[in-house]
PDB file of N, CA and C in Angstrom:
ATOM      1  N   MET A   1       0.842  -1.182   0.000  1.00  0.00           N
ATOM      2  CA  MET A   1       0.000   0.000   0.000  1.00  0.00           C
ATOM      3  C   MET A   1       0.888   1.246   0.000  1.00  0.00           C
ATOM      4  N   ILE A   2       0.556   2.172  -0.842  1.00  0.00           N
ATOM      5  CA  ILE A   2       1.305   3.428  -0.925  1.00  0.00           C
ATOM      6  C   ILE A   2       0.761   4.398   0.111  1.00  0.00           C
ATOM      7  N   GLN A   3       1.671   4.992   0.869  1.00  0.00           N
ATOM      8  CA  GLN A   3       1.272   5.984   1.861  1.00  0.00           C
ATOM      9  C   GLN A   3       1.768   7.352   1.409  1.00  0.00           C
ATOM     10  N   VAL A   4       0.929   8.346   1.534  1.00  0.00           N
ATOM     11  CA  VAL A   4       1.272   9.708   1.147  1.00  0.00           C
ATOM     12  C   VAL A   4       1.540  10.516   2.411  1.00  0.00           C
ATOM     13  N   ASN A   5       2.659  11.219   2.408  1.00  0.00           N
ATOM     14  CA  ASN A   5       2.996  12.110   3.506  1.00  0.00           C
ATOM     15  C   ASN A   5       2.183  13.388   3.306  1.00  0.00           C
ATOM     16  N   LEU A   6       1.191  13.621   4.157  1.00  0.00           N
ATOM     17  CA  LEU A   6       0.289  14.758   3.994  1.00  0.00           C
ATOM     18  C   LEU A   6       1.033  16.087   4.078  1.00  0.00           C
ATOM     19  N   GLY A   7       2.001  16.185   4.949  1.00  0.00           N
ATOM     20  CA  GLY A   7       2.772  17.428   5.076  1.00  0.00           C
ATOM     21  C   GLY A   7       3.510  17.768   3.796  1.00  0.00           C
ATOM     22  N   LYS A   8       4.137  16.765   3.195  1.00  0.00           N
ATOM     23  CA  LYS A   8       4.855  16.998   1.940  1.00  0.00           C
ATOM     24  C   LYS A   8       3.877  17.282   0.802  1.00  0.00           C
ATOM     25  N   ALA A   9       2.738  16.625   0.819  1.00  0.00           N
ATOM     26  CA  ALA A   9       1.724  16.867  -0.210  1.00  0.00           C
ATOM     27  C   ALA A   9       1.194  18.299  -0.117  1.00  0.00           C
ATOM     28  N   LYS A  10       1.016  18.787   1.105  1.00  0.00           N
ATOM     29  CA  LYS A  10       0.577  20.175   1.281  1.00  0.00           C
ATOM     30  C   LYS A  10       1.632  21.148   0.772  1.00  0.00           C
ATOM     31  N   THR A  11       2.900  20.834   1.019  1.00  0.00           N
ATOM     32  CA  THR A  11       3.985  21.679   0.514  1.00  0.00           C
ATOM     33  C   THR A  11       3.937  21.750  -1.001  1.00  0.00           C
ATOM     34  N   LEU A  12       3.720  20.618  -1.652  1.00  0.00           N
ATOM     35  CA  LEU A  12       3.611  20.612  -3.116  1.00  0.00           C
ATOM     36  C   LEU A  12       2.407  21.421  -3.588  1.00  0.00           C
ATOM     37  N   ALA A  13       1.286  21.281  -2.889  1.00  0.00           N
ATOM     38  CA  ALA A  13       0.084  22.041  -3.254  1.00  0.00           C
ATOM     39  C   ALA A  13       0.329  23.537  -3.095  1.00  0.00           C
ATOM     40  N   HIS A  14       1.024  23.934  -2.031  1.00  0.00           N
ATOM     41  CA  HIS A  14       1.347  25.348  -1.841  1.00  0.00           C
ATOM     42  C   HIS A  14       2.277  25.848  -2.944  1.00  0.00           C
ATOM     43  N   ASN A  15       3.227  25.019  -3.351  1.00  0.00           N
ATOM     44  CA  ASN A  15       4.123  25.428  -4.430  1.00  0.00           C
ATOM     45  C   ASN A  15       3.353  25.665  -5.724  1.00  0.00           C
ATOM     46  N   LEU A  16       2.407  24.780  -6.021  1.00  0.00           N
ATOM     47  CA  LEU A  16       1.579  24.958  -7.215  1.00  0.00           C
ATOM     48  C   LEU A  16       0.717  26.212  -7.088  1.00  0.00           C
ATOM     49  N   ARG A  17       0.153  26.420  -5.902  1.00  0.00           N
ATOM     50  CA  ARG A  17      -0.662  27.620  -5.652  1.00  0.00           C
ATOM     51  C   ARG A  17       0.166  28.880  -5.871  1.00  0.00           C
ATOM     52  N   ARG A  18       1.373  28.906  -5.338  1.00  0.00           N
ATOM     53  CA  ARG A  18       2.243  30.084  -5.498  1.00  0.00           C
ATOM     54  C   ARG A  18       2.609  30.310  -6.959  1.00  0.00           C
ATOM     55  N   PHE A  19       2.883  29.230  -7.679  1.00  0.00           N
ATOM     56  CA  PHE A  19       3.229  29.343  -9.097  1.00  0.00           C
ATOM     57  C   PHE A  19       2.080  29.977  -9.878  1.00  0.00           C
ATOM     58  N   LYS A  20       0.872  29.492  -9.636  1.00  0.00           N
ATOM     59  CA  LYS A  20      -0.310  30.035 -10.324  1.00  0.00           C
ATOM     60  C   LYS A  20      -0.547  31.498  -9.931  1.00  0.00           C
ATOM     61  N   ARG A  21      -0.392  31.799  -8.644  1.00  0.00           N
ATOM     62  CA  ARG A  21      -0.580  33.167  -8.163  1.00  0.00           C
ATOM     63  C   ARG A  21       0.430  34.112  -8.813  1.00  0.00           C
ATOM     64  N   ASP A  22       1.680  33.705  -8.826  1.00  0.00           N
ATOM     65  CA  ASP A  22       2.730  34.552  -9.402  1.00  0.00           C
ATOM     66  C   ASP A  22       2.486  34.807 -10.888  1.00  0.00           C
ATOM     67  N   ALA A  23       2.032  33.774 -11.600  1.00  0.00           N
ATOM     68  CA  ALA A  23       1.727  33.938 -13.018  1.00  0.00           C
ATOM     69  C   ALA A  23       0.563  34.909 -13.221  1.00  0.00           C
ATOM     70  N   ALA A  24      -0.400  34.883 -12.308  1.00  0.00           N
ATOM     71  CA  ALA A  24      -1.547  35.787 -12.421  1.00  0.00           C
ATOM     72  C   ALA A  24      -1.158  37.233 -12.129  1.00  0.00           C
ATOM     73  N   PHE A  25      -0.135  37.426 -11.313  1.00  0.00           N
ATOM     74  CA  PHE A  25       0.292  38.777 -10.974  1.00  0.00           C
ATOM     75  C   PHE A  25       1.035  39.472 -12.110  1.00  0.00           C
ATOM     76  N   VAL A  26       1.664  38.745 -12.993  1.00  0.00           N
ATOM     77  CA  VAL A  26       2.494  39.352 -14.041  1.00  0.00           C
ATOM     78  C   VAL A  26       1.736  40.393 -14.863  1.00  0.00           C
ATOM     79  N   PRO A  27       0.582  40.068 -15.455  1.00  0.00           N
ATOM     80  CA  PRO A  27      -0.102  41.104 -16.242  1.00  0.00           C
ATOM     81  C   PRO A  27      -0.588  42.274 -15.377  1.00  0.00           C
ATOM     82  N   LEU A  28      -0.947  41.989 -14.139  1.00  0.00           N
ATOM     83  CA  LEU A  28      -1.412  43.056 -13.258  1.00  0.00           C
ATOM     84  C   LEU A  28      -0.262  43.978 -12.865  1.00  0.00           C
ATOM     85  N   ASP A  29       0.915  43.407 -12.696  1.00  0.00           N
ATOM     86  CA  ASP A  29       2.086  44.225 -12.392  1.00  0.00           C
ATOM     87  C   ASP A  29       2.405  45.165 -13.549  1.00  0.00           C
ATOM     88  N   ILE A  30       2.219  44.686 -14.754  1.00  0.00           N
ATOM     89  CA  ILE A  30       2.459  45.525 -15.930  1.00  0.00           C
ATOM     90  C   ILE A  30       1.412  46.627 -16.005  1.00  0.00           C
ATOM     91  N   LEU A  31       0.149  46.268 -15.809  1.00  0.00           N
ATOM     92  CA  LEU A  31      -0.919  47.269 -15.854  1.00  0.00           C
ATOM     93  C   LEU A  31      -0.764  48.325 -14.765  1.00  0.00           C
ATOM     94  N   ALA A  32      -0.185  47.937 -13.645  1.00  0.00           N
ATOM     95  CA  ALA A  32      -0.004  48.880 -12.542  1.00  0.00           C
ATOM     96  C   ALA A  32       0.966  50.001 -12.897  1.00  0.00           C
ATOM     97  N   THR A  33       1.756  49.804 -13.940  1.00  0.00           N
ATOM     98  CA  THR A  33       2.703  50.847 -14.360  1.00  0.00           C
ATOM     99  C   THR A  33       2.069  51.848 -15.317  1.00  0.00           C
ATOM    100  N   VAL A  34       0.853  51.570 -15.767  1.00  0.00           N
ATOM    101  CA  VAL A  34       0.134  52.487 -16.664  1.00  0.00           C
ATOM    102  C   VAL A  34      -0.768  53.357 -15.791  1.00  0.00           C
ATOM    103  N   PRO A  35      -0.510  54.674 -15.760  1.00  0.00           N
ATOM    104  CA  PRO A  35      -1.218  55.533 -14.800  1.00  0.00           C
ATOM    105  C   PRO A  35      -2.743  55.385 -14.788  1.00  0.00           C
ATOM    106  N   HIS A  36      -3.395  55.373 -15.945  1.00  0.00           N
ATOM    107  CA  HIS A  36      -4.859  55.322 -15.940  1.00  0.00           C
ATOM    108  C   HIS A  36      -5.414  53.919 -15.678  1.00  0.00           C
ATOM    109  N   LEU A  37      -4.545  52.908 -15.620  1.00  0.00           N
ATOM    110  CA  LEU A  37      -4.982  51.546 -15.321  1.00  0.00           C
ATOM    111  C   LEU A  37      -4.515  51.061 -13.947  1.00  0.00           C
ATOM    112  N   ALA A  38      -3.726  51.874 -13.271  1.00  0.00           N
ATOM    113  CA  ALA A  38      -3.100  51.449 -12.019  1.00  0.00           C
ATOM    114  C   ALA A  38      -4.113  51.148 -10.913  1.00  0.00           C
ATOM    115  N   VAL A  39      -5.137  51.965 -10.796  1.00  0.00           N
ATOM    116  CA  VAL A  39      -6.122  51.750  -9.731  1.00  0.00           C
ATOM    117  C   VAL A  39      -6.859  50.426  -9.940  1.00  0.00           C
ATOM    118  N   LYS A  40      -7.298  50.170 -11.158  1.00  0.00           N
ATOM    119  CA  LYS A  40      -7.998  48.909 -11.462  1.00  0.00           C
ATOM    120  C   LYS A  40      -7.067  47.719 -11.254  1.00  0.00           C
ATOM    121  N   ALA A  41      -5.812  47.860 -11.655  1.00  0.00           N
ATOM    122  CA  ALA A  41      -4.847  46.775 -11.480  1.00  0.00           C
ATOM    123  C   ALA A  41      -4.662  46.466  -9.998  1.00  0.00           C
ATOM    124  N   GLU A  42      -4.591  47.492  -9.178  1.00  0.00           N
ATOM    125  CA  GLU A  42      -4.414  47.264  -7.741  1.00  0.00           C
ATOM    126  C   GLU A  42      -5.659  46.626  -7.129  1.00  0.00           C
ATOM    127  N   GLU A  43      -6.830  47.000  -7.606  1.00  0.00           N
ATOM    128  CA  GLU A  43      -8.060  46.350  -7.138  1.00  0.00           C
ATOM    129  C   GLU A  43      -8.054  44.867  -7.500  1.00  0.00           C
ATOM    130  N   ASP A  44      -7.645  44.557  -8.723  1.00  0.00           N
ATOM    131  CA  ASP A  44      -7.577  43.164  -9.166  1.00  0.00           C
ATOM    132  C   ASP A  44      -6.524  42.390  -8.381  1.00  0.00           C
ATOM    133  N   ARG A  45      -5.415  43.040  -8.067  1.00  0.00           N
ATOM    134  CA  ARG A  45      -4.384  42.391  -7.261  1.00  0.00           C
ATOM    135  C   ARG A  45      -4.904  42.084  -5.859  1.00  0.00           C
ATOM    136  N   ALA A  46      -5.711  42.982  -5.300  1.00  0.00           N
ATOM    137  CA  ALA A  46      -6.288  42.745  -3.969  1.00  0.00           C
ATOM    138  C   ALA A  46      -7.237  41.544  -4.008  1.00  0.00           C
ATOM    139  N   ILE A  47      -8.025  41.439  -5.067  1.00  0.00           N
ATOM    140  CA  ILE A  47      -8.924  40.292  -5.229  1.00  0.00           C
ATOM    141  C   ILE A  47      -8.120  39.004  -5.324  1.00  0.00           C
ATOM    142  N   LEU A  48      -7.059  39.046  -6.093  1.00  0.00           N
ATOM    143  CA  LEU A  48      -6.201  37.879  -6.258  1.00  0.00           C
ATOM    144  C   LEU A  48      -5.569  37.475  -4.934  1.00  0.00           C
ATOM    145  N   ARG A  49      -5.097  38.457  -4.172  1.00  0.00           N
ATOM    146  CA  ARG A  49      -4.498  38.159  -2.864  1.00  0.00           C
ATOM    147  C   ARG A  49      -5.517  37.501  -1.928  1.00  0.00           C
ATOM    148  N   ALA A  50      -6.740  38.025  -1.902  1.00  0.00           N
ATOM    149  CA  ALA A  50      -7.777  37.481  -1.026  1.00  0.00           C
ATOM    150  C   ALA A  50      -8.124  36.045  -1.422  1.00  0.00           C
ATOM    151  N   SER A  51      -8.250  35.810  -2.710  1.00  0.00           N
ATOM    152  CA  SER A  51      -8.557  34.468  -3.196  1.00  0.00           C
ATOM    153  C   SER A  51      -7.429  33.499  -2.849  1.00  0.00           C
ATOM    154  N   ASP A  52      -6.202  33.962  -3.025  1.00  0.00           N
ATOM    155  CA  ASP A  52      -5.053  33.128  -2.704  1.00  0.00           C
ATOM    156  C   ASP A  52      -4.983  32.845  -1.199  1.00  0.00           C
ATOM    157  N   ASP A  53      -5.298  33.843  -0.393  1.00  0.00           N
ATOM    158  CA  ASP A  53      -5.315  33.648   1.066  1.00  0.00           C
ATOM    159  C   ASP A  53      -6.325  32.565   1.457  1.00  0.00           C
ATOM    160  N   ASN A  54      -7.506  32.619   0.836  1.00  0.00           N
ATOM    161  CA  ASN A  54      -8.544  31.618   1.129  1.00  0.00           C
ATOM    162  C   ASN A  54      -8.091  30.215   0.731  1.00  0.00           C
ATOM    163  N   LEU A  55      -7.461  30.115  -0.428  1.00  0.00           N
ATOM    164  CA  LEU A  55      -6.985  28.820  -0.889  1.00  0.00           C
ATOM    165  C   LEU A  55      -5.871  28.305   0.025  1.00  0.00           C
ATOM    166  N   GLN A  56      -5.002  29.191   0.462  1.00  0.00           N
ATOM    167  CA  GLN A  56      -3.933  28.805   1.379  1.00  0.00           C
ATOM    168  C   GLN A  56      -4.512  28.230   2.672  1.00  0.00           C
ATOM    169  N   LEU A  57      -5.517  28.898   3.203  1.00  0.00           N
ATOM    170  CA  LEU A  57      -6.165  28.404   4.425  1.00  0.00           C
ATOM    171  C   LEU A  57      -6.844  27.055   4.188  1.00  0.00           C
ATOM    172  N   SER A  58      -7.454  26.893   3.032  1.00  0.00           N
ATOM    173  CA  SER A  58      -8.108  25.620   2.704  1.00  0.00           C
ATOM    174  C   SER A  58      -7.103  24.484   2.631  1.00  0.00           C
ATOM    175  N   ILE A  59      -5.949  24.753   2.035  1.00  0.00           N
ATOM    176  CA  ILE A  59      -4.906  23.729   1.949  1.00  0.00           C
ATOM    177  C   ILE A  59      -4.450  23.338   3.350  1.00  0.00           C
ATOM    178  N   GLU A  60      -4.190  24.324   4.166  1.00  0.00           N
ATOM    179  CA  GLU A  60      -3.714  24.041   5.520  1.00  0.00           C
ATOM    180  C   GLU A  60      -4.752  23.317   6.370  1.00  0.00           C
ATOM    181  N   ALA A  61      -6.028  23.547   6.105  1.00  0.00           N
ATOM    182  CA  ALA A  61      -7.096  22.941   6.905  1.00  0.00           C
ATOM    183  C   ALA A  61      -7.370  21.489   6.530  1.00  0.00           C
ATOM    184  N   THR A  62      -6.849  21.037   5.416  1.00  0.00           N
ATOM    185  CA  THR A  62      -7.124  19.661   5.013  1.00  0.00           C
ATOM    186  C   THR A  62      -6.508  18.684   6.006  1.00  0.00           C
ATOM    187  N   ALA A  63      -7.271  17.656   6.298  1.00  0.00           N
ATOM    188  CA  ALA A  63      -6.820  16.655   7.266  1.00  0.00           C
ATOM    189  C   ALA A  63      -6.543  15.308   6.607  1.00  0.00           C
ATOM    190  N   THR A  64      -6.939  15.184   5.339  1.00  0.00           N
ATOM    191  CA  THR A  64      -6.734  13.914   4.643  1.00  0.00           C
ATOM    192  C   THR A  64      -6.184  14.174   3.247  1.00  0.00           C
ATOM    193  N   VAL A  65      -5.597  13.156   2.690  1.00  0.00           N
ATOM    194  CA  VAL A  65      -5.075  13.248   1.327  1.00  0.00           C
ATOM    195  C   VAL A  65      -6.231  13.454   0.349  1.00  0.00           C
ATOM    196  N   ASP A  66      -7.356  12.809   0.602  1.00  0.00           N
ATOM    197  CA  ASP A  66      -8.515  12.968  -0.289  1.00  0.00           C
ATOM    198  C   ASP A  66      -9.005  14.419  -0.312  1.00  0.00           C
ATOM    199  N   ALA A  67      -9.026  15.065   0.847  1.00  0.00           N
ATOM    200  CA  ALA A  67      -9.455  16.464   0.909  1.00  0.00           C
ATOM    201  C   ALA A  67      -8.478  17.358   0.160  1.00  0.00           C
ATOM    202  N   LEU A  68      -7.196  17.073   0.288  1.00  0.00           N
ATOM    203  CA  LEU A  68      -6.191  17.859  -0.433  1.00  0.00           C
ATOM    204  C   LEU A  68      -6.303  17.618  -1.933  1.00  0.00           C
ATOM    205  N   THR A  69      -6.510  16.373  -2.302  1.00  0.00           N
ATOM    206  CA  THR A  69      -6.669  16.039  -3.716  1.00  0.00           C
ATOM    207  C   THR A  69      -7.879  16.751  -4.314  1.00  0.00           C
ATOM    208  N   ALA A  70      -8.917  16.905  -3.530  1.00  0.00           N
ATOM    209  CA  ALA A  70     -10.116  17.606  -4.006  1.00  0.00           C
ATOM    210  C   ALA A  70      -9.814  19.071  -4.305  1.00  0.00           C
ATOM    211  N   LEU A  71      -8.836  19.655  -3.626  1.00  0.00           N
ATOM    212  CA  LEU A  71      -8.479  21.046  -3.881  1.00  0.00           C
ATOM    213  C   LEU A  71      -7.597  21.213  -5.116  1.00  0.00           C
ATOM    214  N   LEU A  72      -6.908  20.181  -5.523  1.00  0.00           N
ATOM    215  CA  LEU A  72      -5.971  20.324  -6.630  1.00  0.00           C
ATOM    216  C   LEU A  72      -6.607  20.805  -7.930  1.00  0.00           C
ATOM    217  N   PRO A  73      -7.801  20.310  -8.311  1.00  0.00           N
ATOM    218  CA  PRO A  73      -8.406  20.885  -9.522  1.00  0.00           C
ATOM    219  C   PRO A  73      -8.689  22.377  -9.368  1.00  0.00           C
ATOM    220  N   VAL A  74      -9.010  22.804  -8.169  1.00  0.00           N
ATOM    221  CA  VAL A  74      -9.264  24.222  -7.925  1.00  0.00           C
ATOM    222  C   VAL A  74      -7.988  25.010  -8.188  1.00  0.00           C
ATOM    223  N   ILE A  75      -6.882  24.499  -7.715  1.00  0.00           N
ATOM    224  CA  ILE A  75      -5.603  25.161  -7.936  1.00  0.00           C
ATOM    225  C   ILE A  75      -5.249  25.100  -9.412  1.00  0.00           C
ATOM    226  N   ASP A  76      -5.355  23.920  -9.998  1.00  0.00           N
ATOM    227  CA  ASP A  76      -4.918  23.714 -11.368  1.00  0.00           C
ATOM    228  C   ASP A  76      -5.787  24.447 -12.380  1.00  0.00           C
ATOM    229  N   GLU A  77      -7.063  24.581 -12.108  1.00  0.00           N
ATOM    230  CA  GLU A  77      -7.949  25.261 -13.041  1.00  0.00           C
ATOM    231  C   GLU A  77      -7.812  26.766 -12.975  1.00  0.00           C
ATOM    232  N   GLY A  78      -7.039  27.241 -12.013  1.00  0.00           N
ATOM    233  CA  GLY A  78      -6.790  28.668 -11.949  1.00  0.00           C
ATOM    234  C   GLY A  78      -7.925  29.456 -11.333  1.00  0.00           C
ATOM    235  N   VAL A  79      -8.674  28.848 -10.438  1.00  0.00           N
ATOM    236  CA  VAL A  79      -9.751  29.570  -9.781  1.00  0.00           C
ATOM    237  C   VAL A  79      -9.189  30.790  -9.064  1.00  0.00           C
ATOM    238  N   ILE A  80      -7.942  30.711  -8.628  1.00  0.00           N
ATOM    239  CA  ILE A  80      -7.354  31.858  -7.959  1.00  0.00           C
ATOM    240  C   ILE A  80      -6.958  32.943  -8.947  1.00  0.00           C
ATOM    241  N   LEU A  81      -7.035  32.618 -10.241  1.00  0.00           N
ATOM    242  CA  LEU A  81      -6.686  33.621 -11.238  1.00  0.00           C
ATOM    243  C   LEU A  81      -7.876  34.508 -11.525  1.00  0.00           C
ATOM    244  N   ILE A  82      -7.594  35.698 -11.983  1.00  0.00           N
ATOM    245  CA  ILE A  82      -8.670  36.640 -12.297  1.00  0.00           C
ATOM    246  C   ILE A  82      -9.042  36.487 -13.757  1.00  0.00           C
TER     247      ILE A  82
END
């Protein structure tokens, strides 16, 4: 029987979450340098941060591998992306 280390699995999930979050920030960082788009870009960045915070808490709250696995499509589908 294969056993999964939940702590290491959470670390991998967080790494994927961070990768997706960082990729989502790139266009917003560029828009933030355009004066008339900066306010909207910062609003979108705040939304992204809040969504990422919620996902981070969800990952940490998982108590089983199945619960963590259920979150992976959420991470992979880019729900945290705007």
